[in-house]
Amino acid sequence: MVEFAYKNSFQATIQMAPYEALYERKCRSPLYSDEAGERKMLGLEYLQEVQRQVTVIQERMKAAQNRQKSYADNRRRNLEFVVGDWVYLKVSPMKGVVCFSKKGKLSPRFIGPFEIIERVSSVAY
């Protein structure tokens, strides 16, 4: 029943259920899986239909990927430093870990300042 529920669940990425994406129809309950008048596709017609469905899924996944990338890119910015600059390092607060002798709301968010003495690559100093 878990597999049945997953196959019928709507996936936002492809904008349909996985079963519907593969077979172009809703997944029916295991108790009533046979429907009168259902037609079977064979051969070349079936392959063309599968290829069309794969293309639709790829386009929808690409659109979702581009949408998520645009959301992430809004917060990104390129930072470059030169030798001799002074910087603060951000400390990620971890629950239950006492860092720098303070815990909770009063724990420091940034530590430093530290001087940049060498540039290793465009993102490592």
PDB file of N, CA and C in Angstrom:
ATOM      1  N   MET A   1       0.816  -1.189   0.000  1.00  0.00           N
ATOM      2  CA  MET A   1       0.000   0.000   0.000  1.00  0.00           C
ATOM      3  C   MET A   1       0.868   1.266   0.000  1.00  0.00           C
ATOM      4  N   VAL A   2       2.066   1.180   0.594  1.00  0.00           N
ATOM      5  CA  VAL A   2       2.955   2.334   0.599  1.00  0.00           C
ATOM      6  C   VAL A   2       3.402   2.643  -0.831  1.00  0.00           C
ATOM      7  N   GLU A   3       3.740   1.601  -1.567  1.00  0.00           N
ATOM      8  CA  GLU A   3       4.140   1.791  -2.964  1.00  0.00           C
ATOM      9  C   GLU A   3       2.995   2.394  -3.770  1.00  0.00           C
ATOM     10  N   PHE A   4       1.792   1.930  -3.541  1.00  0.00           N
ATOM     11  CA  PHE A   4       0.611   2.457  -4.227  1.00  0.00           C
ATOM     12  C   PHE A   4       0.429   3.939  -3.906  1.00  0.00           C
ATOM     13  N   ALA A   5       0.602   4.300  -2.632  1.00  0.00           N
ATOM     14  CA  ALA A   5       0.451   5.690  -2.223  1.00  0.00           C
ATOM     15  C   ALA A   5       1.523   6.564  -2.870  1.00  0.00           C
ATOM     16  N   TYR A   6       2.765   6.075  -2.937  1.00  0.00           N
ATOM     17  CA  TYR A   6       3.839   6.862  -3.548  1.00  0.00           C
ATOM     18  C   TYR A   6       3.594   7.069  -5.034  1.00  0.00           C
ATOM     19  N   LYS A   7       3.189   6.002  -5.720  1.00  0.00           N
ATOM     20  CA  LYS A   7       2.959   6.112  -7.164  1.00  0.00           C
ATOM     21  C   LYS A   7       1.829   7.078  -7.492  1.00  0.00           C
ATOM     22  N   ASN A   8       0.893   7.257  -6.577  1.00  0.00           N
ATOM     23  CA  ASN A   8      -0.239   8.155  -6.807  1.00  0.00           C
ATOM     24  C   ASN A   8       0.005   9.563  -6.297  1.00  0.00           C
ATOM     25  N   SER A   9       1.087   9.788  -5.561  1.00  0.00           N
ATOM     26  CA  SER A   9       1.318  11.111  -4.989  1.00  0.00           C
ATOM     27  C   SER A   9       1.804  12.084  -6.058  1.00  0.00           C
ATOM     28  N   PHE A  10       1.297  13.300  -5.988  1.00  0.00           N
ATOM     29  CA  PHE A  10       1.640  14.341  -6.953  1.00  0.00           C
ATOM     30  C   PHE A  10       3.067  14.798  -6.708  1.00  0.00           C
ATOM     31  N   GLN A  11       3.882  14.844  -7.755  1.00  0.00           N
ATOM     32  CA  GLN A  11       5.262  15.323  -7.672  1.00  0.00           C
ATOM     33  C   GLN A  11       5.325  16.702  -8.310  1.00  0.00           C
ATOM     34  N   ALA A  12       5.723  17.701  -7.542  1.00  0.00           N
ATOM     35  CA  ALA A  12       5.742  19.078  -8.036  1.00  0.00           C
ATOM     36  C   ALA A  12       6.739  19.254  -9.171  1.00  0.00           C
ATOM     37  N   THR A  13       7.822  18.474  -9.166  1.00  0.00           N
ATOM     38  CA  THR A  13       8.842  18.629 -10.189  1.00  0.00           C
ATOM     39  C   THR A  13       8.319  18.291 -11.576  1.00  0.00           C
ATOM     40  N   ILE A  14       7.632  17.160 -11.692  1.00  0.00           N
ATOM     41  CA  ILE A  14       7.127  16.738 -13.006  1.00  0.00           C
ATOM     42  C   ILE A  14       5.658  17.081 -13.189  1.00  0.00           C
ATOM     43  N   GLN A  15       5.055  17.679 -12.163  1.00  0.00           N
ATOM     44  CA  GLN A  15       3.667  18.142 -12.180  1.00  0.00           C
ATOM     45  C   GLN A  15       2.658  17.039 -12.467  1.00  0.00           C
ATOM     46  N   MET A  16       2.951  15.859 -11.991  1.00  0.00           N
ATOM     47  CA  MET A  16       2.026  14.731 -12.087  1.00  0.00           C
ATOM     48  C   MET A  16       2.544  13.605 -11.186  1.00  0.00           C
ATOM     49  N   ALA A  17       1.767  12.560 -11.047  1.00  0.00           N
ATOM     50  CA  ALA A  17       2.198  11.404 -10.271  1.00  0.00           C
ATOM     51  C   ALA A  17       3.168  10.562 -11.108  1.00  0.00           C
ATOM     52  N   PRO A  18       4.117   9.865 -10.480  1.00  0.00           N
ATOM     53  CA  PRO A  18       5.059   9.045 -11.242  1.00  0.00           C
ATOM     54  C   PRO A  18       4.379   7.989 -12.119  1.00  0.00           C
ATOM     55  N   TYR A  19       3.342   7.353 -11.606  1.00  0.00           N
ATOM     56  CA  TYR A  19       2.634   6.345 -12.382  1.00  0.00           C
ATOM     57  C   TYR A  19       1.978   6.973 -13.608  1.00  0.00           C
ATOM     58  N   GLU A  20       1.387   8.131 -13.395  1.00  0.00           N
ATOM     59  CA  GLU A  20       0.730   8.839 -14.490  1.00  0.00           C
ATOM     60  C   GLU A  20       1.741   9.269 -15.555  1.00  0.00           C
ATOM     61  N   ALA A  21       2.948   9.612 -15.120  1.00  0.00           N
ATOM     62  CA  ALA A  21       3.989  10.009 -16.068  1.00  0.00           C
ATOM     63  C   ALA A  21       4.403   8.844 -16.964  1.00  0.00           C
ATOM     64  N   LEU A  22       4.453   7.662 -16.402  1.00  0.00           N
ATOM     65  CA  LEU A  22       4.869   6.495 -17.187  1.00  0.00           C
ATOM     66  C   LEU A  22       3.765   5.924 -18.048  1.00  0.00           C
ATOM     67  N   TYR A  23       2.542   5.885 -17.516  1.00  0.00           N
ATOM     68  CA  TYR A  23       1.465   5.157 -18.198  1.00  0.00           C
ATOM     69  C   TYR A  23       0.324   6.044 -18.692  1.00  0.00           C
ATOM     70  N   GLU A  24       0.416   7.355 -18.507  1.00  0.00           N
ATOM     71  CA  GLU A  24      -0.584   8.320 -18.968  1.00  0.00           C
ATOM     72  C   GLU A  24      -1.991   8.068 -18.455  1.00  0.00           C
ATOM     73  N   ARG A  25      -2.097   7.508 -17.301  1.00  0.00           N
ATOM     74  CA  ARG A  25      -3.395   7.326 -16.655  1.00  0.00           C
ATOM     75  C   ARG A  25      -3.169   7.212 -15.165  1.00  0.00           C
ATOM     76  N   LYS A  26      -4.194   7.451 -14.411  1.00  0.00           N
ATOM     77  CA  LYS A  26      -4.095   7.356 -12.961  1.00  0.00           C
ATOM     78  C   LYS A  26      -3.890   5.904 -12.547  1.00  0.00           C
ATOM     79  N   CYS A  27      -3.147   5.708 -11.506  1.00  0.00           N
ATOM     80  CA  CYS A  27      -2.941   4.363 -10.971  1.00  0.00           C
ATOM     81  C   CYS A  27      -4.204   3.950 -10.223  1.00  0.00           C
ATOM     82  N   ARG A  28      -4.744   2.815 -10.605  1.00  0.00           N
ATOM     83  CA  ARG A  28      -5.969   2.348  -9.964  1.00  0.00           C
ATOM     84  C   ARG A  28      -5.641   1.473  -8.762  1.00  0.00           C
ATOM     85  N   SER A  29      -6.588   1.367  -7.882  1.00  0.00           N
ATOM     86  CA  SER A  29      -6.424   0.541  -6.697  1.00  0.00           C
ATOM     87  C   SER A  29      -6.120  -0.899  -7.102  1.00  0.00           C
ATOM     88  N   PRO A  30      -5.286  -1.592  -6.344  1.00  0.00           N
ATOM     89  CA  PRO A  30      -4.998  -2.989  -6.671  1.00  0.00           C
ATOM     90  C   PRO A  30      -6.246  -3.871  -6.706  1.00  0.00           C
ATOM     91  N   LEU A  31      -7.306  -3.475  -6.012  1.00  0.00           N
ATOM     92  CA  LEU A  31      -8.534  -4.269  -6.017  1.00  0.00           C
ATOM     93  C   LEU A  31      -9.290  -4.154  -7.330  1.00  0.00           C
ATOM     94  N   TYR A  32      -9.195  -3.005  -7.999  1.00  0.00           N
ATOM     95  CA  TYR A  32      -9.921  -2.763  -9.235  1.00  0.00           C
ATOM     96  C   TYR A  32      -8.943  -2.358 -10.342  1.00  0.00           C
ATOM     97  N   SER A  33      -7.969  -3.204 -10.629  1.00  0.00           N
ATOM     98  CA  SER A  33      -6.922  -2.818 -11.569  1.00  0.00           C
ATOM     99  C   SER A  33      -7.319  -3.025 -13.027  1.00  0.00           C
ATOM    100  N   ASP A  34      -8.364  -3.763 -13.308  1.00  0.00           N
ATOM    101  CA  ASP A  34      -8.754  -4.003 -14.688  1.00  0.00           C
ATOM    102  C   ASP A  34      -9.978  -3.172 -15.031  1.00  0.00           C
ATOM    103  N   GLU A  35      -9.935  -2.492 -16.147  1.00  0.00           N
ATOM    104  CA  GLU A  35     -11.041  -1.631 -16.548  1.00  0.00           C
ATOM    105  C   GLU A  35     -11.565  -2.101 -17.902  1.00  0.00           C
ATOM    106  N   ALA A  36     -12.863  -2.145 -18.069  1.00  0.00           N
ATOM    107  CA  ALA A  36     -13.460  -2.600 -19.320  1.00  0.00           C
ATOM    108  C   ALA A  36     -13.147  -1.622 -20.443  1.00  0.00           C
ATOM    109  N   GLY A  37     -12.842  -2.154 -21.595  1.00  0.00           N
ATOM    110  CA  GLY A  37     -12.600  -1.323 -22.765  1.00  0.00           C
ATOM    111  C   GLY A  37     -11.191  -0.741 -22.822  1.00  0.00           C
ATOM    112  N   GLU A  38     -10.308  -1.172 -21.953  1.00  0.00           N
ATOM    113  CA  GLU A  38      -8.947  -0.651 -21.961  1.00  0.00           C
ATOM    114  C   GLU A  38      -8.185  -1.218 -23.156  1.00  0.00           C
ATOM    115  N   ARG A  39      -7.481  -0.362 -23.861  1.00  0.00           N
ATOM    116  CA  ARG A  39      -6.795  -0.748 -25.078  1.00  0.00           C
ATOM    117  C   ARG A  39      -5.299  -0.841 -24.819  1.00  0.00           C
ATOM    118  N   LYS A  40      -4.659  -1.859 -25.346  1.00  0.00           N
ATOM    119  CA  LYS A  40      -3.223  -2.043 -25.182  1.00  0.00           C
ATOM    120  C   LYS A  40      -2.502  -1.464 -26.391  1.00  0.00           C
ATOM    121  N   MET A  41      -1.386  -0.758 -26.146  1.00  0.00           N
ATOM    122  CA  MET A  41      -0.567  -0.248 -27.237  1.00  0.00           C
ATOM    123  C   MET A  41       0.595  -1.210 -27.442  1.00  0.00           C
ATOM    124  N   LEU A  42       0.938  -1.440 -28.694  1.00  0.00           N
ATOM    125  CA  LEU A  42       2.033  -2.354 -28.995  1.00  0.00           C
ATOM    126  C   LEU A  42       2.982  -1.729 -29.999  1.00  0.00           C
ATOM    127  N   GLY A  43       4.227  -2.188 -29.990  1.00  0.00           N
ATOM    128  CA  GLY A  43       5.194  -1.861 -31.027  1.00  0.00           C
ATOM    129  C   GLY A  43       5.605  -0.411 -31.085  1.00  0.00           C
ATOM    130  N   LEU A  44       5.668   0.093 -32.326  1.00  0.00           N
ATOM    131  CA  LEU A  44       6.178   1.435 -32.600  1.00  0.00           C
ATOM    132  C   LEU A  44       5.340   2.520 -31.930  1.00  0.00           C
ATOM    133  N   GLU A  45       4.048   2.346 -31.907  1.00  0.00           N
ATOM    134  CA  GLU A  45       3.163   3.328 -31.273  1.00  0.00           C
ATOM    135  C   GLU A  45       3.501   3.478 -29.794  1.00  0.00           C
ATOM    136  N   TYR A  46       3.763   2.369 -29.112  1.00  0.00           N
ATOM    137  CA  TYR A  46       4.108   2.384 -27.697  1.00  0.00           C
ATOM    138  C   TYR A  46       5.442   3.101 -27.475  1.00  0.00           C
ATOM    139  N   LEU A  47       6.436   2.811 -28.302  1.00  0.00           N
ATOM    140  CA  LEU A  47       7.747   3.434 -28.170  1.00  0.00           C
ATOM    141  C   LEU A  47       7.684   4.947 -28.394  1.00  0.00           C
ATOM    142  N   GLN A  48       6.891   5.365 -29.379  1.00  0.00           N
ATOM    143  CA  GLN A  48       6.744   6.795 -29.634  1.00  0.00           C
ATOM    144  C   GLN A  48       6.071   7.497 -28.456  1.00  0.00           C
ATOM    145  N   GLU A  49       5.085   6.846 -27.875  1.00  0.00           N
ATOM    146  CA  GLU A  49       4.378   7.423 -26.733  1.00  0.00           C
ATOM    147  C   GLU A  49       5.294   7.532 -25.516  1.00  0.00           C
ATOM    148  N   VAL A  50       6.101   6.501 -25.279  1.00  0.00           N
ATOM    149  CA  VAL A  50       7.047   6.525 -24.165  1.00  0.00           C
ATOM    150  C   VAL A  50       8.075   7.633 -24.371  1.00  0.00           C
ATOM    151  N   GLN A  51       8.583   7.772 -25.595  1.00  0.00           N
ATOM    152  CA  GLN A  51       9.556   8.818 -25.884  1.00  0.00           C
ATOM    153  C   GLN A  51       8.955  10.208 -25.671  1.00  0.00           C
ATOM    154  N   ARG A  52       7.708  10.383 -26.041  1.00  0.00           N
ATOM    155  CA  ARG A  52       7.039  11.658 -25.836  1.00  0.00           C
ATOM    156  C   ARG A  52       6.908  11.960 -24.341  1.00  0.00           C
ATOM    157  N   GLN A  53       6.531  10.959 -23.564  1.00  0.00           N
ATOM    158  CA  GLN A  53       6.391  11.146 -22.116  1.00  0.00           C
ATOM    159  C   GLN A  53       7.734  11.481 -21.467  1.00  0.00           C
ATOM    160  N   VAL A  54       8.799  10.818 -21.896  1.00  0.00           N
ATOM    161  CA  VAL A  54      10.130  11.100 -21.354  1.00  0.00           C
ATOM    162  C   VAL A  54      10.529  12.534 -21.670  1.00  0.00           C
ATOM    163  N   THR A  55      10.231  12.994 -22.869  1.00  0.00           N
ATOM    164  CA  THR A  55      10.545  14.373 -23.256  1.00  0.00           C
ATOM    165  C   THR A  55       9.778  15.369 -22.390  1.00  0.00           C
ATOM    166  N   VAL A  56       8.502  15.107 -22.136  1.00  0.00           N
ATOM    167  CA  VAL A  56       7.688  15.991 -21.292  1.00  0.00           C
ATOM    168  C   VAL A  56       8.262  16.038 -19.877  1.00  0.00           C
ATOM    169  N   ILE A  57       8.627  14.893 -19.335  1.00  0.00           N
ATOM    170  CA  ILE A  57       9.180  14.835 -17.980  1.00  0.00           C
ATOM    171  C   ILE A  57      10.506  15.585 -17.921  1.00  0.00           C
ATOM    172  N   GLN A  58      11.362  15.401 -18.931  1.00  0.00           N
ATOM    173  CA  GLN A  58      12.649  16.099 -18.949  1.00  0.00           C
ATOM    174  C   GLN A  58      12.461  17.606 -18.995  1.00  0.00           C
ATOM    175  N   GLU A  59      11.514  18.079 -19.796  1.00  0.00           N
ATOM    176  CA  GLU A  59      11.251  19.516 -19.878  1.00  0.00           C
ATOM    177  C   GLU A  59      10.762  20.063 -18.545  1.00  0.00           C
ATOM    178  N   ARG A  60       9.879  19.338 -17.874  1.00  0.00           N
ATOM    179  CA  ARG A  60       9.358  19.797 -16.588  1.00  0.00           C
ATOM    180  C   ARG A  60      10.434  19.780 -15.510  1.00  0.00           C
ATOM    181  N   MET A  61      11.290  18.763 -15.533  1.00  0.00           N
ATOM    182  CA  MET A  61      12.366  18.703 -14.550  1.00  0.00           C
ATOM    183  C   MET A  61      13.381  19.820 -14.793  1.00  0.00           C
ATOM    184  N   LYS A  62      13.655  20.126 -16.050  1.00  0.00           N
ATOM    185  CA  LYS A  62      14.572  21.219 -16.384  1.00  0.00           C
ATOM    186  C   LYS A  62      13.989  22.557 -15.922  1.00  0.00           C
ATOM    187  N   ALA A  63      12.680  22.746 -16.115  1.00  0.00           N
ATOM    188  CA  ALA A  63      12.025  23.978 -15.662  1.00  0.00           C
ATOM    189  C   ALA A  63      12.105  24.106 -14.143  1.00  0.00           C
ATOM    190  N   ALA A  64      11.876  23.003 -13.426  1.00  0.00           N
ATOM    191  CA  ALA A  64      11.952  23.031 -11.962  1.00  0.00           C
ATOM    192  C   ALA A  64      13.379  23.315 -11.507  1.00  0.00           C
ATOM    193  N   GLN A  65      14.352  22.724 -12.187  1.00  0.00           N
ATOM    194  CA  GLN A  65      15.748  22.950 -11.852  1.00  0.00           C
ATOM    195  C   GLN A  65      16.132  24.418 -12.068  1.00  0.00           C
ATOM    196  N   ASN A  66      15.711  24.995 -13.177  1.00  0.00           N
ATOM    197  CA  ASN A  66      15.992  26.408 -13.450  1.00  0.00           C
ATOM    198  C   ASN A  66      15.323  27.321 -12.424  1.00  0.00           C
ATOM    199  N   ARG A  67      14.108  26.968 -12.018  1.00  0.00           N
ATOM    200  CA  ARG A  67      13.387  27.761 -11.022  1.00  0.00           C
ATOM    201  C   ARG A  67      14.132  27.732  -9.688  1.00  0.00           C
ATOM    202  N   GLN A  68      14.574  26.541  -9.261  1.00  0.00           N
ATOM    203  CA  GLN A  68      15.308  26.436  -8.004  1.00  0.00           C
ATOM    204  C   GLN A  68      16.648  27.158  -8.079  1.00  0.00           C
ATOM    205  N   LYS A  69      17.313  27.102  -9.243  1.00  0.00           N
ATOM    206  CA  LYS A  69      18.590  27.788  -9.419  1.00  0.00           C
ATOM    207  C   LYS A  69      18.402  29.296  -9.304  1.00  0.00           C
ATOM    208  N   SER A  70      17.326  29.815  -9.880  1.00  0.00           N
ATOM    209  CA  SER A  70      17.083  31.259  -9.796  1.00  0.00           C
ATOM    210  C   SER A  70      16.826  31.683  -8.354  1.00  0.00           C
ATOM    211  N   TYR A  71      16.138  30.839  -7.564  1.00  0.00           N
ATOM    212  CA  TYR A  71      15.915  31.151  -6.153  1.00  0.00           C
ATOM    213  C   TYR A  71      17.247  31.191  -5.398  1.00  0.00           C
ATOM    214  N   ALA A  72      18.132  30.226  -5.675  1.00  0.00           N
ATOM    215  CA  ALA A  72      19.417  30.162  -4.988  1.00  0.00           C
ATOM    216  C   ALA A  72      20.332  31.294  -5.408  1.00  0.00           C
ATOM    217  N   ASP A  73      20.301  31.671  -6.689  1.00  0.00           N
ATOM    218  CA  ASP A  73      21.188  32.715  -7.189  1.00  0.00           C
ATOM    219  C   ASP A  73      20.852  34.095  -6.629  1.00  0.00           C
ATOM    220  N   ASN A  74      19.625  34.291  -6.180  1.00  0.00           N
ATOM    221  CA  ASN A  74      19.250  35.586  -5.606  1.00  0.00           C
ATOM    222  C   ASN A  74      20.068  35.909  -4.361  1.00  0.00           C
ATOM    223  N   ARG A  75      20.483  34.894  -3.611  1.00  0.00           N
ATOM    224  CA  ARG A  75      21.203  35.116  -2.364  1.00  0.00           C
ATOM    225  C   ARG A  75      22.711  35.018  -2.530  1.00  0.00           C
ATOM    226  N   ARG A  76      23.191  34.551  -3.662  1.00  0.00           N
ATOM    227  CA  ARG A  76      24.624  34.373  -3.859  1.00  0.00           C
ATOM    228  C   ARG A  76      25.279  35.676  -4.292  1.00  0.00           C
ATOM    229  N   ARG A  77      26.516  35.839  -3.875  1.00  0.00           N
ATOM    230  CA  ARG A  77      27.307  36.969  -4.349  1.00  0.00           C
ATOM    231  C   ARG A  77      28.770  36.553  -4.357  1.00  0.00           C
ATOM    232  N   ASN A  78      29.515  37.074  -5.299  1.00  0.00           N
ATOM    233  CA  ASN A  78      30.930  36.756  -5.414  1.00  0.00           C
ATOM    234  C   ASN A  78      31.726  37.670  -4.493  1.00  0.00           C
ATOM    235  N   LEU A  79      32.518  37.070  -3.629  1.00  0.00           N
ATOM    236  CA  LEU A  79      33.383  37.822  -2.742  1.00  0.00           C
ATOM    237  C   LEU A  79      34.827  37.471  -3.066  1.00  0.00           C
ATOM    238  N   GLU A  80      35.636  38.483  -3.248  1.00  0.00           N
ATOM    239  CA  GLU A  80      37.052  38.247  -3.460  1.00  0.00           C
ATOM    240  C   GLU A  80      37.825  39.155  -2.520  1.00  0.00           C
ATOM    241  N   PHE A  81      38.864  38.602  -1.937  1.00  0.00           N
ATOM    242  CA  PHE A  81      39.683  39.335  -0.996  1.00  0.00           C
ATOM    243  C   PHE A  81      41.114  39.371  -1.510  1.00  0.00           C
ATOM    244  N   VAL A  82      41.853  40.310  -0.999  1.00  0.00           N
ATOM    245  CA  VAL A  82      43.277  40.398  -1.344  1.00  0.00           C
ATOM    246  C   VAL A  82      44.083  40.162  -0.069  1.00  0.00           C
ATOM    247  N   VAL A  83      45.351  39.789  -0.265  1.00  0.00           N
ATOM    248  CA  VAL A  83      46.226  39.547   0.879  1.00  0.00           C
ATOM    249  C   VAL A  83      46.334  40.841   1.684  1.00  0.00           C
ATOM    250  N   GLY A  84      46.160  40.728   2.994  1.00  0.00           N
ATOM    251  CA  GLY A  84      46.209  41.889   3.876  1.00  0.00           C
ATOM    252  C   GLY A  84      44.843  42.333   4.360  1.00  0.00           C
ATOM    253  N   ASP A  85      43.760  41.861   3.732  1.00  0.00           N
ATOM    254  CA  ASP A  85      42.410  42.199   4.195  1.00  0.00           C
ATOM    255  C   ASP A  85      42.143  41.528   5.534  1.00  0.00           C
ATOM    256  N   TRP A  86      41.271  42.146   6.303  1.00  0.00           N
ATOM    257  CA  TRP A  86      40.829  41.577   7.568  1.00  0.00           C
ATOM    258  C   TRP A  86      39.387  41.118   7.405  1.00  0.00           C
ATOM    259  N   VAL A  87      39.085  39.887   7.850  1.00  0.00           N
ATOM    260  CA  VAL A  87      37.743  39.325   7.673  1.00  0.00           C
ATOM    261  C   VAL A  87      37.266  38.675   8.973  1.00  0.00           C
ATOM    262  N   TYR A  88      35.972  38.588   9.098  1.00  0.00           N
ATOM    263  CA  TYR A  88      35.350  37.833  10.177  1.00  0.00           C
ATOM    264  C   TYR A  88      34.873  36.505   9.604  1.00  0.00           C
ATOM    265  N   LEU A  89      34.925  35.443  10.396  1.00  0.00           N
ATOM    266  CA  LEU A  89      34.441  34.133   9.975  1.00  0.00           C
ATOM    267  C   LEU A  89      33.096  33.866  10.636  1.00  0.00           C
ATOM    268  N   LYS A  90      32.150  33.390   9.850  1.00  0.00           N
ATOM    269  CA  LYS A  90      30.830  33.090  10.387  1.00  0.00           C
ATOM    270  C   LYS A  90      30.876  31.738  11.086  1.00  0.00           C
ATOM    271  N   VAL A  91      30.319  31.678  12.261  1.00  0.00           N
ATOM    272  CA  VAL A  91      30.267  30.447  13.042  1.00  0.00           C
ATOM    273  C   VAL A  91      28.829  29.966  13.023  1.00  0.00           C
ATOM    274  N   SER A  92      28.612  28.749  12.551  1.00  0.00           N
ATOM    275  CA  SER A  92      27.262  28.188  12.532  1.00  0.00           C
ATOM    276  C   SER A  92      26.930  27.667  13.919  1.00  0.00           C
ATOM    277  N   PRO A  93      25.907  28.202  14.563  1.00  0.00           N
ATOM    278  CA  PRO A  93      25.554  27.708  15.895  1.00  0.00           C
ATOM    279  C   PRO A  93      24.962  26.303  15.803  1.00  0.00           C
ATOM    280  N   MET A  94      25.517  25.382  16.573  1.00  0.00           N
ATOM    281  CA  MET A  94      25.009  24.013  16.596  1.00  0.00           C
ATOM    282  C   MET A  94      24.326  23.768  17.932  1.00  0.00           C
ATOM    283  N   LYS A  95      23.184  23.144  17.906  1.00  0.00           N
ATOM    284  CA  LYS A  95      22.416  22.911  19.113  1.00  0.00           C
ATOM    285  C   LYS A  95      23.158  21.925  20.021  1.00  0.00           C
ATOM    286  N   GLY A  96      23.306  22.279  21.265  1.00  0.00           N
ATOM    287  CA  GLY A  96      23.930  21.390  22.226  1.00  0.00           C
ATOM    288  C   GLY A  96      25.443  21.469  22.278  1.00  0.00           C
ATOM    289  N   VAL A  97      26.069  22.228  21.391  1.00  0.00           N
ATOM    290  CA  VAL A  97      27.522  22.343  21.387  1.00  0.00           C
ATOM    291  C   VAL A  97      27.895  23.701  21.973  1.00  0.00           C
ATOM    292  N   VAL A  98      28.678  23.668  23.025  1.00  0.00           N
ATOM    293  CA  VAL A  98      29.123  24.914  23.640  1.00  0.00           C
ATOM    294  C   VAL A  98      30.409  25.316  22.945  1.00  0.00           C
ATOM    295  N   CYS A  99      30.359  26.437  22.249  1.00  0.00           N
ATOM    296  CA  CYS A  99      31.492  26.896  21.465  1.00  0.00           C
ATOM    297  C   CYS A  99      31.883  28.295  21.928  1.00  0.00           C
ATOM    298  N   PHE A 100      33.132  28.535  22.157  1.00  0.00           N
ATOM    299  CA  PHE A 100      33.641  29.841  22.574  1.00  0.00           C
ATOM    300  C   PHE A 100      33.032  30.281  23.907  1.00  0.00           C
ATOM    301  N   SER A 101      32.833  29.341  24.794  1.00  0.00           N
ATOM    302  CA  SER A 101      32.427  29.536  26.190  1.00  0.00           C
ATOM    303  C   SER A 101      31.061  30.195  26.381  1.00  0.00           C
ATOM    304  N   LYS A 102      30.227  30.261  25.355  1.00  0.00           N
ATOM    305  CA  LYS A 102      28.874  30.787  25.493  1.00  0.00           C
ATOM    306  C   LYS A 102      27.929  29.852  24.760  1.00  0.00           C
ATOM    307  N   LYS A 103      26.693  29.784  25.222  1.00  0.00           N
ATOM    308  CA  LYS A 103      25.727  28.956  24.518  1.00  0.00           C
ATOM    309  C   LYS A 103      24.400  29.684  24.384  1.00  0.00           C
ATOM    310  N   GLY A 104      23.591  29.211  23.460  1.00  0.00           N
ATOM    311  CA  GLY A 104      22.271  29.795  23.272  1.00  0.00           C
ATOM    312  C   GLY A 104      22.292  31.062  22.452  1.00  0.00           C
ATOM    313  N   LYS A 105      21.418  31.968  22.795  1.00  0.00           N
ATOM    314  CA  LYS A 105      21.253  33.204  22.032  1.00  0.00           C
ATOM    315  C   LYS A 105      22.488  34.105  22.093  1.00  0.00           C
ATOM    316  N   LEU A 106      23.271  33.975  23.138  1.00  0.00           N
ATOM    317  CA  LEU A 106      24.411  34.870  23.317  1.00  0.00           C
ATOM    318  C   LEU A 106      25.692  34.353  22.667  1.00  0.00           C
ATOM    319  N   SER A 107      25.629  33.194  22.029  1.00  0.00           N
ATOM    320  CA  SER A 107      26.836  32.677  21.379  1.00  0.00           C
ATOM    321  C   SER A 107      27.183  33.550  20.178  1.00  0.00           C
ATOM    322  N   PRO A 108      28.486  33.724  19.921  1.00  0.00           N
ATOM    323  CA  PRO A 108      28.879  34.620  18.824  1.00  0.00           C
ATOM    324  C   PRO A 108      28.509  34.055  17.454  1.00  0.00           C
ATOM    325  N   ARG A 109      28.084  34.933  16.562  1.00  0.00           N
ATOM    326  CA  ARG A 109      27.760  34.525  15.190  1.00  0.00           C
ATOM    327  C   ARG A 109      28.993  34.582  14.298  1.00  0.00           C
ATOM    328  N   PHE A 110      29.883  35.513  14.615  1.00  0.00           N
ATOM    329  CA  PHE A 110      31.107  35.701  13.843  1.00  0.00           C
ATOM    330  C   PHE A 110      32.285  35.729  14.805  1.00  0.00           C
ATOM    331  N   ILE A 111      33.428  35.238  14.343  1.00  0.00           N
ATOM    332  CA  ILE A 111      34.645  35.309  15.143  1.00  0.00           C
ATOM    333  C   ILE A 111      35.707  36.008  14.319  1.00  0.00           C
ATOM    334  N   GLY A 112      36.641  36.601  14.995  1.00  0.00           N
ATOM    335  CA  GLY A 112      37.707  37.277  14.274  1.00  0.00           C
ATOM    336  C   GLY A 112      37.951  38.634  14.879  1.00  0.00           C
ATOM    337  N   PRO A 113      38.591  39.511  14.189  1.00  0.00           N
ATOM    338  CA  PRO A 113      38.983  39.485  12.776  1.00  0.00           C
ATOM    339  C   PRO A 113      40.276  38.700  12.548  1.00  0.00           C
ATOM    340  N   PHE A 114      40.374  38.150  11.332  1.00  0.00           N
ATOM    341  CA  PHE A 114      41.554  37.420  10.911  1.00  0.00           C
ATOM    342  C   PHE A 114      42.122  38.098   9.671  1.00  0.00           C
ATOM    343  N   GLU A 115      43.441  38.110   9.578  1.00  0.00           N
ATOM    344  CA  GLU A 115      44.091  38.709   8.419  1.00  0.00           C
ATOM    345  C   GLU A 115      44.330  37.634   7.356  1.00  0.00           C
ATOM    346  N   ILE A 116      44.071  37.971   6.110  1.00  0.00           N
ATOM    347  CA  ILE A 116      44.339  37.047   4.999  1.00  0.00           C
ATOM    348  C   ILE A 116      45.820  37.167   4.679  1.00  0.00           C
ATOM    349  N   ILE A 117      46.528  36.028   4.808  1.00  0.00           N
ATOM    350  CA  ILE A 117      47.971  36.050   4.561  1.00  0.00           C
ATOM    351  C   ILE A 117      48.355  35.389   3.245  1.00  0.00           C
ATOM    352  N   GLU A 118      47.438  34.575   2.676  1.00  0.00           N
ATOM    353  CA  GLU A 118      47.760  33.913   1.414  1.00  0.00           C
ATOM    354  C   GLU A 118      46.466  33.555   0.693  1.00  0.00           C
ATOM    355  N   ARG A 119      46.486  33.671  -0.627  1.00  0.00           N
ATOM    356  CA  ARG A 119      45.350  33.255  -1.445  1.00  0.00           C
ATOM    357  C   ARG A 119      45.721  31.947  -2.127  1.00  0.00           C
ATOM    358  N   VAL A 120      44.949  30.883  -1.848  1.00  0.00           N
ATOM    359  CA  VAL A 120      45.222  29.555  -2.404  1.00  0.00           C
ATOM    360  C   VAL A 120      44.512  29.385  -3.734  1.00  0.00           C
ATOM    361  N   SER A 121      43.235  29.736  -3.790  1.00  0.00           N
ATOM    362  CA  SER A 121      42.461  29.684  -5.034  1.00  0.00           C
ATOM    363  C   SER A 121      41.403  30.780  -4.957  1.00  0.00           C
ATOM    364  N   SER A 122      40.462  30.776  -5.903  1.00  0.00           N
ATOM    365  CA  SER A 122      39.465  31.851  -5.930  1.00  0.00           C
ATOM    366  C   SER A 122      38.504  31.809  -4.749  1.00  0.00           C
ATOM    367  N   VAL A 123      38.398  30.661  -4.083  1.00  0.00           N
ATOM    368  CA  VAL A 123      37.482  30.543  -2.928  1.00  0.00           C
ATOM    369  C   VAL A 123      38.183  30.115  -1.653  1.00  0.00           C
ATOM    370  N   ALA A 124      39.495  29.882  -1.691  1.00  0.00           N
ATOM    371  CA  ALA A 124      40.233  29.450  -0.498  1.00  0.00           C
ATOM    372  C   ALA A 124      41.334  30.468  -0.193  1.00  0.00           C
ATOM    373  N   TYR A 125      41.359  30.876   1.092  1.00  0.00           N
ATOM    374  CA  TYR A 125      42.330  31.875   1.518  1.00  0.00           C
ATOM    375  C   TYR A 125      43.091  31.367   2.717  1.00  0.00           C
TER     376      TYR A 125
END
